[in-house]
Protein backbone atom coordinates (compact mmCIF):
# COMPACT_ATOMS: atom_id res chain seq x y z
CA UNK A 1 -61.99 -10.58 4.95
CA UNK A 2 -60.83 -12.14 8.20
CA UNK A 3 -59.56 -15.21 6.34
CA UNK A 4 -57.81 -12.98 3.80
CA UNK A 5 -56.05 -11.16 6.65
CA UNK A 6 -54.85 -14.45 8.11
CA UNK A 7 -53.54 -15.56 4.72
CA UNK A 8 -51.60 -12.30 4.34
CA UNK A 9 -50.02 -12.70 7.80
CA UNK A 10 -48.89 -16.24 6.95
CA UNK A 11 -47.50 -15.04 3.61
CA UNK A 12 -45.51 -12.21 5.23
CA UNK A 13 -44.10 -14.57 7.86
CA UNK A 14 -42.98 -17.03 5.17
CA UNK A 15 -41.45 -14.19 3.15
CA UNK A 16 -39.47 -13.03 6.18
CA UNK A 17 -38.23 -16.55 6.91
CA UNK A 18 -37.01 -17.16 3.34
CA UNK A 19 -35.43 -13.74 2.86
CA UNK A 20 -31.59 -14.10 2.95
CA UNK A 21 -30.01 -12.73 6.12
CA UNK A 22 -26.38 -11.63 5.96
CA UNK A 23 -23.72 -11.72 8.65
CA UNK A 24 -24.36 -8.08 9.55
CA UNK A 25 -28.06 -8.74 10.12
CA UNK A 26 -29.25 -6.96 6.96
CA UNK A 27 -31.66 -8.54 4.51
CA UNK A 28 -31.90 -8.42 0.75
CA UNK A 29 -34.98 -9.46 -1.18
CA UNK A 30 -34.40 -12.01 -3.90
CA UNK A 31 -36.39 -14.57 -5.82
CA UNK A 32 -34.15 -17.42 -4.69
CA UNK A 33 -32.95 -18.53 -1.28
CA UNK A 34 -29.38 -18.84 -2.54
CA UNK A 35 -27.17 -15.95 -3.64
CA UNK A 36 -24.07 -16.52 -5.77
CA UNK A 37 -21.41 -13.81 -5.83
CA UNK A 38 -18.43 -13.57 -8.16
CA UNK A 39 -15.28 -12.07 -6.63
CA UNK A 40 -12.19 -11.27 -8.71
CA UNK A 41 -8.76 -10.60 -7.19
CA UNK A 42 -5.82 -9.12 -9.11
CA UNK A 43 -2.83 -9.30 -6.75
CA UNK A 44 -2.77 -13.04 -7.11
CA UNK A 45 -0.31 -15.52 -5.65
CA UNK A 46 -0.89 -19.09 -4.46
CA UNK A 47 -0.42 -18.32 -0.76
CA UNK A 48 -2.48 -15.12 -0.84
CA UNK A 49 -5.30 -16.74 -2.80
CA UNK A 50 -5.40 -19.56 -0.24
CA UNK A 51 -5.92 -17.01 2.56
CA UNK A 52 -8.80 -15.35 0.71
CA UNK A 53 -10.38 -18.72 -0.02
CA UNK A 54 -10.20 -19.55 3.69
CA UNK A 55 -11.96 -16.27 4.57
CA UNK A 56 -14.62 -16.99 1.95
CA UNK A 57 -15.16 -20.46 3.43
CA UNK A 58 -15.65 -18.99 6.91
CA UNK A 59 -18.08 -16.40 5.56
CA UNK A 60 -20.10 -19.04 3.70
CA UNK A 61 -20.33 -21.07 6.91
CA UNK A 62 -21.87 -18.04 8.63
CA UNK A 63 -24.10 -17.34 5.63
CA UNK A 64 -25.21 -20.70 4.21
CA UNK A 65 -27.45 -18.96 1.67
CA UNK A 66 -24.41 -17.34 0.00
CA UNK A 67 -21.74 -18.87 -2.21
CA UNK A 68 -18.77 -16.92 -3.52
CA UNK A 69 -16.79 -17.85 -6.59
CA UNK A 70 -13.23 -16.48 -6.50
CA UNK A 71 -11.59 -15.67 -9.84
CA UNK A 72 -7.77 -15.57 -9.56
CA UNK A 73 -6.09 -14.87 -12.91
CA UNK A 74 -2.30 -15.14 -13.25
CA UNK A 75 -0.76 -12.00 -11.72
CA UNK A 76 0.66 -10.72 -15.02
CA UNK A 77 -2.74 -10.93 -16.73
CA UNK A 78 -5.02 -9.93 -13.89
CA UNK A 79 -5.29 -6.16 -14.45
CA UNK A 80 -6.01 -6.53 -18.15
CA UNK A 81 -8.60 -9.23 -17.51
CA UNK A 82 -10.28 -7.09 -14.87
CA UNK A 83 -10.49 -4.14 -17.25
CA UNK A 84 -11.94 -6.31 -20.01
CA UNK A 85 -14.54 -7.91 -17.74
CA UNK A 86 -15.65 -4.61 -16.23
CA UNK A 87 -15.83 -2.79 -19.55
CA UNK A 88 -17.93 -5.59 -21.05
CA UNK A 89 -19.99 -5.81 -17.84
CA UNK A 90 -19.37 -9.50 -17.30
CA UNK A 91 -20.64 -11.25 -14.19
CA UNK A 92 -18.75 -9.65 -11.29
CA UNK A 93 -20.04 -8.57 -7.88
CA UNK A 94 -16.84 -7.86 -5.91
CA UNK A 95 -13.59 -6.70 -7.50
CA UNK A 96 -10.14 -5.98 -6.13
CA UNK A 97 -9.01 -2.59 -7.41
CA UNK A 98 -5.44 -1.33 -7.22
CA UNK A 99 -4.65 2.28 -6.34
CA UNK A 100 -3.46 3.19 -9.83
CA UNK A 101 -6.59 1.75 -11.51
CA UNK A 102 -9.35 3.45 -9.51
CA UNK A 103 -9.58 6.56 -11.66
CA UNK A 104 -9.85 4.60 -14.90
CA UNK A 105 -12.75 2.51 -13.62
CA UNK A 106 -14.53 5.50 -12.09
CA UNK A 107 -14.20 7.50 -15.30
CA UNK A 108 -15.76 4.58 -17.16
CA UNK A 109 -18.63 4.45 -14.69
CA UNK A 110 -17.85 0.90 -13.53
CA UNK A 111 -17.65 1.31 -9.74
CA UNK A 112 -20.35 1.87 -7.12
CA UNK A 113 -20.28 4.78 -4.66
CA UNK A 114 -20.04 2.99 -1.30
CA UNK A 115 -21.15 6.01 0.75
CA UNK A 116 -24.58 4.58 1.68
CA UNK A 117 -22.96 1.40 2.98
CA UNK A 118 -20.17 3.10 4.89
CA UNK A 119 -22.60 5.54 6.52
CA UNK A 120 -24.41 2.68 8.28
CA UNK A 121 -21.50 0.30 8.88
CA UNK A 122 -20.44 -0.17 12.50
CA UNK A 123 -16.78 -0.59 11.49
CA UNK A 124 -16.41 2.82 9.87
CA UNK A 125 -15.32 4.53 13.11
CA UNK A 126 -12.42 2.11 13.47
CA UNK A 127 -10.87 2.98 10.11
CA UNK A 128 -7.53 4.78 10.07
CA UNK A 129 -7.60 8.35 8.72
CA UNK A 130 -5.37 7.05 5.94
CA UNK A 131 -7.97 4.37 5.14
CA UNK A 132 -10.73 6.94 4.77
CA UNK A 133 -8.49 9.09 2.61
CA UNK A 134 -7.48 6.18 0.38
CA UNK A 135 -11.11 5.12 -0.04
CA UNK A 136 -11.85 8.60 -1.39
CA UNK A 137 -8.95 8.84 -3.82
CA UNK A 138 -11.23 9.99 -6.64
CA UNK A 139 -13.59 12.92 -6.19
CA UNK A 140 -13.66 12.54 -2.41
CA UNK A 141 -16.02 9.61 -2.99
CA UNK A 142 -15.48 6.10 -1.54
CA UNK A 143 -15.42 3.85 -4.58
CA UNK A 144 -13.47 1.15 -2.76
CA UNK A 145 -12.87 -0.19 0.73
CA UNK A 146 -9.07 -0.35 1.22
CA UNK A 147 -7.79 -3.70 2.45
CA UNK A 148 -4.13 -3.00 3.25
CA UNK A 149 -1.25 -0.55 2.90
CA UNK A 150 2.35 -0.75 1.84
CA UNK A 151 4.28 2.12 3.44
CA UNK A 152 8.02 2.60 3.60
CA UNK A 153 9.92 2.50 6.91
CA UNK A 154 13.60 2.22 7.89
CA UNK A 155 14.87 -1.22 8.89
CA UNK A 156 17.95 -0.97 11.12
CA UNK A 157 20.42 -3.65 12.17
CA UNK A 158 20.89 -2.41 15.72
CA UNK A 159 23.40 -5.15 16.51
CA UNK A 160 25.71 -4.01 13.68
CA UNK A 161 25.46 -0.35 14.65
CA UNK A 162 26.22 -1.14 18.28
CA UNK A 163 29.50 -2.72 17.17
CA UNK A 164 30.53 0.73 15.99
CA UNK A 165 29.22 2.62 19.00
CA UNK A 166 25.85 3.76 17.65
CA UNK A 167 22.90 3.25 19.99
CA UNK A 168 20.75 6.24 19.00
CA UNK A 169 18.61 5.85 15.90
CA UNK A 170 18.86 8.49 13.16
CA UNK A 171 16.06 11.03 13.20
CA UNK A 172 17.02 12.86 10.01
CA UNK A 173 18.10 11.73 6.58
CA UNK A 174 21.37 13.57 7.12
CA UNK A 175 22.09 11.62 10.31
CA UNK A 176 21.41 8.33 8.54
CA UNK A 177 23.74 9.29 5.68
CA UNK A 178 26.51 10.21 8.14
CA UNK A 179 26.17 6.92 10.04
CA UNK A 180 26.08 4.85 6.85
CA UNK A 181 29.17 6.55 5.48
CA UNK A 182 31.10 6.38 8.76
CA UNK A 183 30.76 2.60 9.21
CA UNK A 184 31.58 1.76 5.61
CA UNK A 185 34.95 0.03 5.39
CA UNK A 186 35.25 -0.55 9.14
CA UNK A 187 35.75 -4.19 8.25
CA UNK A 188 35.71 -6.27 5.09
CA UNK A 189 32.41 -6.15 3.24
CA UNK A 190 30.97 -3.57 5.62
CA UNK A 191 28.87 -0.91 3.91
CA UNK A 192 26.18 1.43 5.14
CA UNK A 193 23.04 1.56 3.06
CA UNK A 194 20.89 -1.04 1.28
CA UNK A 195 20.65 0.72 -2.07
CA UNK A 196 17.88 0.16 -4.62
CA UNK A 197 19.22 0.50 -8.15
CA UNK A 198 16.73 -1.41 -10.29
CA UNK A 199 13.01 -2.18 -10.43
CA UNK A 200 10.96 0.88 -9.40
CA UNK A 201 13.94 2.35 -7.54
CA UNK A 202 12.20 5.74 -7.64
CA UNK A 203 9.83 4.55 -4.91
CA UNK A 204 12.76 4.80 -2.48
CA UNK A 205 15.16 7.33 -4.00
CA UNK A 206 12.53 10.01 -4.64
CA UNK A 207 11.28 9.77 -1.06
CA UNK A 208 14.83 10.19 0.26
CA UNK A 209 15.61 13.12 -2.02
CA UNK A 210 12.40 15.13 -2.11
CA UNK A 211 11.95 15.18 1.67
CA UNK A 212 14.47 18.03 1.70
CA UNK A 213 11.96 20.13 -0.25
CA UNK A 214 9.59 22.11 1.95
CA UNK A 215 6.63 22.56 -0.39
CA UNK A 216 5.96 19.30 -2.22
CA UNK A 217 2.30 19.08 -3.19
CA UNK A 218 0.27 16.41 -1.44
CA UNK A 219 -1.84 16.09 -4.58
CA UNK A 220 1.10 15.32 -6.89
CA UNK A 221 4.46 14.11 -5.58
CA UNK A 222 6.22 15.52 -8.64
CA UNK A 223 4.92 19.04 -8.26
CA UNK A 224 5.58 21.67 -5.64
CA UNK A 225 2.70 23.71 -4.27
CA UNK A 226 3.50 26.49 -6.73
CA UNK A 227 3.18 24.10 -9.67
CA UNK A 228 6.87 23.53 -10.47
CA UNK A 229 8.63 20.19 -10.99
CA UNK A 230 9.58 18.86 -7.55
CA UNK A 231 13.25 18.31 -8.42
CA UNK A 232 13.68 21.72 -10.05
CA UNK A 233 14.85 23.72 -7.02
CA UNK A 234 18.11 24.19 -5.08
CA UNK A 235 17.06 21.92 -2.19
CA UNK A 236 16.32 18.97 -4.45
CA UNK A 237 19.52 19.51 -6.45
CA UNK A 238 21.62 19.34 -3.30
CA UNK A 239 19.65 16.37 -1.98
CA UNK A 240 20.22 14.54 -5.27
CA UNK A 241 23.95 15.28 -5.05
CA UNK A 242 23.95 13.92 -1.48
CA UNK A 243 22.18 10.78 -2.68
CA UNK A 244 24.84 10.20 -5.35
CA UNK A 245 27.53 10.72 -2.71
CA UNK A 246 25.82 8.13 -0.49
CA UNK A 247 26.05 5.62 -3.32
CA UNK A 248 29.72 6.43 -3.95
CA UNK A 249 30.75 6.23 -0.30
CA UNK A 250 28.44 3.79 1.50
CA UNK A 251 27.14 1.28 -1.05
CA UNK A 252 28.76 -1.74 -2.74
CA UNK A 253 29.49 -0.88 -6.38
CA UNK A 254 27.02 -3.52 -7.59
CA UNK A 255 24.29 -1.84 -5.53
CA UNK A 256 23.44 0.07 -8.70
CA UNK A 257 21.88 -3.17 -9.95
CA UNK A 258 20.18 -4.26 -6.73
CA UNK A 259 16.50 -5.04 -6.63
CA UNK A 260 14.35 -6.11 -3.69
CA UNK A 261 15.99 -9.49 -3.09
CA UNK A 262 19.52 -8.11 -3.13
CA UNK A 263 18.55 -5.34 -0.73
CA UNK A 264 17.01 -7.72 1.77
CA UNK A 265 19.84 -10.23 1.51
CA UNK A 266 22.43 -7.51 2.18
CA UNK A 267 20.47 -6.38 5.23
CA UNK A 268 20.14 -9.90 6.61
CA UNK A 269 23.84 -10.61 6.08
CA UNK A 270 24.76 -7.36 7.86
CA UNK A 271 26.54 -5.95 4.82
CA UNK A 272 24.21 -2.94 4.87
CA UNK A 273 22.51 -2.21 8.22
CA UNK A 274 20.09 0.41 6.84
CA UNK A 275 17.22 -0.59 4.55
CA UNK A 276 14.15 1.36 3.47
CA UNK A 277 11.36 -1.06 2.62
CA UNK A 278 7.72 -2.05 3.02
CA UNK A 279 6.13 -4.10 5.86
CA UNK A 280 6.07 -7.35 3.89
CA UNK A 281 9.84 -7.40 4.47
CA UNK A 282 9.28 -8.12 8.17
CA UNK A 283 8.38 -11.78 7.71
CA UNK A 284 11.36 -12.35 5.41
CA UNK A 285 13.74 -10.81 7.93
CA UNK A 286 12.19 -12.68 10.87
CA UNK A 287 12.80 -15.99 9.14
CA UNK A 288 16.57 -15.46 9.26
CA UNK A 289 17.31 -12.93 12.01
CA UNK A 290 16.76 -12.84 15.74
CA UNK A 291 14.18 -10.15 16.47
CA UNK A 292 16.55 -8.54 18.94
CA UNK A 293 19.12 -7.89 16.22
CA UNK A 294 17.08 -5.33 14.30
CA UNK A 295 14.34 -2.76 14.60
CA UNK A 296 12.13 -0.67 12.36
CA UNK A 297 11.65 3.09 12.71
CA UNK A 298 9.82 5.69 10.62
CA UNK A 299 11.71 6.98 7.60
CA UNK A 300 13.95 9.83 8.85
CA UNK A 301 12.83 13.33 7.94
CA UNK A 302 14.55 15.53 5.40
CA UNK A 303 15.74 19.11 5.84
CA UNK A 304 12.11 20.19 5.48
CA UNK A 305 11.41 18.57 8.85
CA UNK A 306 9.03 16.23 7.03
CA UNK A 307 9.11 13.13 4.91
CA UNK A 308 6.83 12.58 1.94
CA UNK A 309 5.50 9.05 1.66
CA UNK A 310 3.28 7.22 -0.75
CA UNK A 311 0.88 4.50 0.40
CA UNK A 312 0.49 1.61 -1.97
CA UNK A 313 -2.88 -0.04 -1.49
CA UNK A 314 -5.70 -1.97 -3.05
CA UNK A 315 -9.31 -2.29 -2.02
CA UNK A 316 -12.59 -4.00 -2.73
CA UNK A 317 -15.25 -2.42 -4.91
CA UNK A 318 -18.67 -3.31 -6.24
CA UNK A 319 -19.23 -3.04 -10.00
CA UNK A 320 -21.84 -0.44 -10.81
CA UNK A 321 -23.88 -2.95 -12.79
CA UNK A 322 -23.97 -5.69 -10.12
CA UNK A 323 -27.49 -6.72 -9.14
CA UNK A 324 -26.36 -8.10 -5.79
CA UNK A 325 -24.79 -5.02 -4.24
CA UNK A 326 -26.14 -5.49 -0.71
CA UNK A 327 -24.83 -9.04 -0.56
CA UNK A 328 -21.51 -7.95 -2.03
CA UNK A 329 -21.15 -5.21 0.56
CA UNK A 330 -21.95 -7.64 3.38
CA UNK A 331 -18.93 -9.74 2.42
CA UNK A 332 -16.74 -6.63 2.02
CA UNK A 333 -17.77 -5.50 5.52
CA UNK A 334 -16.94 -8.96 6.86
CA UNK A 335 -13.47 -9.20 5.33
CA UNK A 336 -12.78 -5.56 6.30
CA UNK A 337 -13.56 -6.04 9.98
CA UNK A 338 -10.63 -5.53 12.33
CA UNK A 339 -10.31 -9.21 13.16
CA UNK A 340 -10.49 -10.54 9.60
CA UNK A 341 -8.39 -7.76 8.10
CA UNK A 342 -5.65 -8.28 10.68
CA UNK A 343 -5.55 -12.02 10.01
CA UNK A 344 -5.35 -11.39 6.28
CA UNK A 345 -2.48 -8.92 6.71
CA UNK A 346 -0.56 -11.26 9.01
CA UNK A 347 -0.57 -13.89 6.30
CA UNK A 348 0.10 -11.54 3.40
CA UNK A 349 2.48 -9.02 4.96
CA UNK A 350 1.02 -5.49 4.54
CA UNK A 351 -0.48 -3.13 7.11
CA UNK A 352 -4.08 -3.39 8.43
CA UNK A 353 -6.61 -0.64 7.74
CA UNK A 354 -8.21 -0.48 11.22
CA UNK A 355 -6.99 1.60 14.16
CA UNK A 356 -7.81 -1.08 16.72
CA UNK A 357 -5.39 -3.54 15.10
CA UNK A 358 -2.51 -1.38 16.31
CA UNK A 359 -3.80 -1.24 19.87
CA UNK A 360 -5.61 -4.54 20.46
CA UNK A 361 -3.92 -7.15 18.29
CA UNK A 362 -0.61 -8.27 19.88
CA UNK A 363 0.92 -8.91 16.45
CA UNK A 364 0.56 -5.27 15.36
CA UNK A 365 0.40 -3.49 18.73
CA UNK A 366 4.03 -4.09 19.69
CA UNK A 367 7.47 -4.49 18.20
CA UNK A 368 8.44 -3.24 14.77
CA UNK A 369 4.90 -2.36 13.69
CA UNK A 370 4.90 0.59 16.07
CA UNK A 371 7.01 2.37 13.47
CA UNK A 372 4.12 2.28 11.02
CA UNK A 373 1.61 3.20 13.71
CA UNK A 374 3.65 6.33 14.44
CA UNK A 375 3.97 7.07 10.74
CA UNK A 376 0.22 6.89 10.18
CA UNK A 377 -0.58 8.87 13.34
CA UNK A 378 1.63 11.95 12.82
CA UNK A 379 0.38 13.68 9.69
CA UNK A 380 2.44 16.82 10.38
CA UNK A 381 5.73 14.93 10.09
CA UNK A 382 4.80 12.08 7.76
CA UNK A 383 3.02 13.57 4.78
CA UNK A 384 1.20 11.12 2.55
CA UNK A 385 1.26 12.30 -1.04
CA UNK A 386 -0.45 11.13 -4.21
CA UNK A 387 1.38 9.82 -7.23
CA UNK A 388 0.06 11.21 -10.55
CA UNK A 389 -1.66 7.99 -11.61
CA UNK A 390 -3.96 9.90 -13.97
CA UNK A 391 -1.07 11.38 -15.94
CA UNK A 392 -0.19 9.61 -19.20
CA UNK A 393 3.44 10.16 -18.22
CA UNK A 394 3.26 8.14 -15.03
CA UNK A 395 3.42 4.61 -16.54
CA UNK A 396 6.78 5.41 -18.15
CA UNK A 397 8.28 7.26 -15.18
CA UNK A 398 9.97 4.26 -13.55
CA UNK A 399 11.99 3.55 -16.69
CA UNK A 400 12.86 7.19 -17.40
CA UNK A 401 13.87 7.87 -13.80
CA UNK A 402 16.04 4.75 -13.71
CA UNK A 403 17.71 5.52 -17.04
CA UNK A 404 18.98 8.93 -16.02
CA UNK A 405 19.60 8.00 -12.38
CA UNK A 406 21.86 5.18 -13.53
CA UNK A 407 23.76 7.56 -15.81
CA UNK A 408 24.10 10.00 -12.94
CA UNK A 409 25.37 7.37 -10.51
CA UNK A 410 27.92 6.20 -13.07
CA UNK A 411 29.18 9.76 -13.56
CA UNK A 412 28.06 10.02 -17.18
CA UNK A 413 25.81 13.05 -16.57
CA UNK A 414 25.55 15.79 -13.94
CA UNK A 415 22.77 16.37 -11.42
CA UNK A 416 21.54 19.34 -13.48
CA UNK A 417 21.43 17.20 -16.62
CA UNK A 418 19.50 14.44 -14.82
CA UNK A 419 16.96 16.90 -13.42
CA UNK A 420 16.54 18.59 -16.81
CA UNK A 421 15.91 15.22 -18.47
CA UNK A 422 13.29 14.32 -15.85
CA UNK A 423 11.68 17.75 -16.08
CA UNK A 424 11.54 17.55 -19.87
CA UNK A 425 9.84 14.18 -19.60
CA UNK A 426 7.07 15.42 -17.32
CA UNK A 427 6.59 18.75 -19.12
CA UNK A 428 6.79 17.52 -22.71
């Protein structure tokens, strides 16, 4: 019996030595020393993929028993390929899930509830309130760990405005409209506002218009708290009329066809000193403008005293059928740490998900990023609302909104006719 006891001690010691140890100190039992994980991204681009591959390489150096294969389909095919692979339960351990796809995957039972992992993770207390909310988009359950945010803010060419005597930034949408209109025509090719006419223009126009409405539902941007269509009220009608007037009086006529590139180019050239855009615009502007010539501030509030914003995001999830969930979570925790997440966002352009990034990292703790820190810190003024991703009407909304908005801007229909057409679409 004594010899048997010694043999058991030796066996347990050997088992402990060969058990894989992850970067967070946790262990997962497995038959083999090596663990291979398959990670699929969907927001693919050559530069972004290179950043992720670099993070994977660093992680593998810290965890020599783990190898991670990154699958990077062409951007246009990625979502469909992800859906196919998850539905057929192909070999995946970590998946990048976009905000509009979470519900579909959860309904199909393909994502793991990350609550047990988050409850013991040291980094959970550093997450922004918005991060925790985004993680729990479906059923108040964290099916993904958000990796970044795209949130609108107002880019301002302070040097252009100073030429015309403006040194105070607009606090309300009305003040911004007045300033944009007043400087238009002051010299050749001088206009006020960097309009978005094409390509998901609703993401900007609807924010500008509906922030005049006092009771927009946080659960559905296109409903008021009493269940009505958000545009179907006097405040929205007047705000829509003001928006059309802004186009007619402070925007180049071809602004009706502007997409992202045209907006940014007009801002950089000084043609339009006001631009509402996402944080990935910062690096593009910094390449061509002196940092002292512009600033970024939160989107001005509407007559409601608030502004309703959406937060585009994606996160990392673990397929429900993965047999390597602990190892998959260890990598997710690593890439989601404040240091790694900040480095990823610096390279890619969006906003980090950790509070400490906005206080400790010099890149995000000063300068233009303070606008987004303020936006994410003041929930009374900056209301984050959900888009109706689960509605079968949502995929077609961008095209329908653009169709009737274009007709309205061209004077072919009235504001009432545009609102009725939009309302009919959602209520049909």
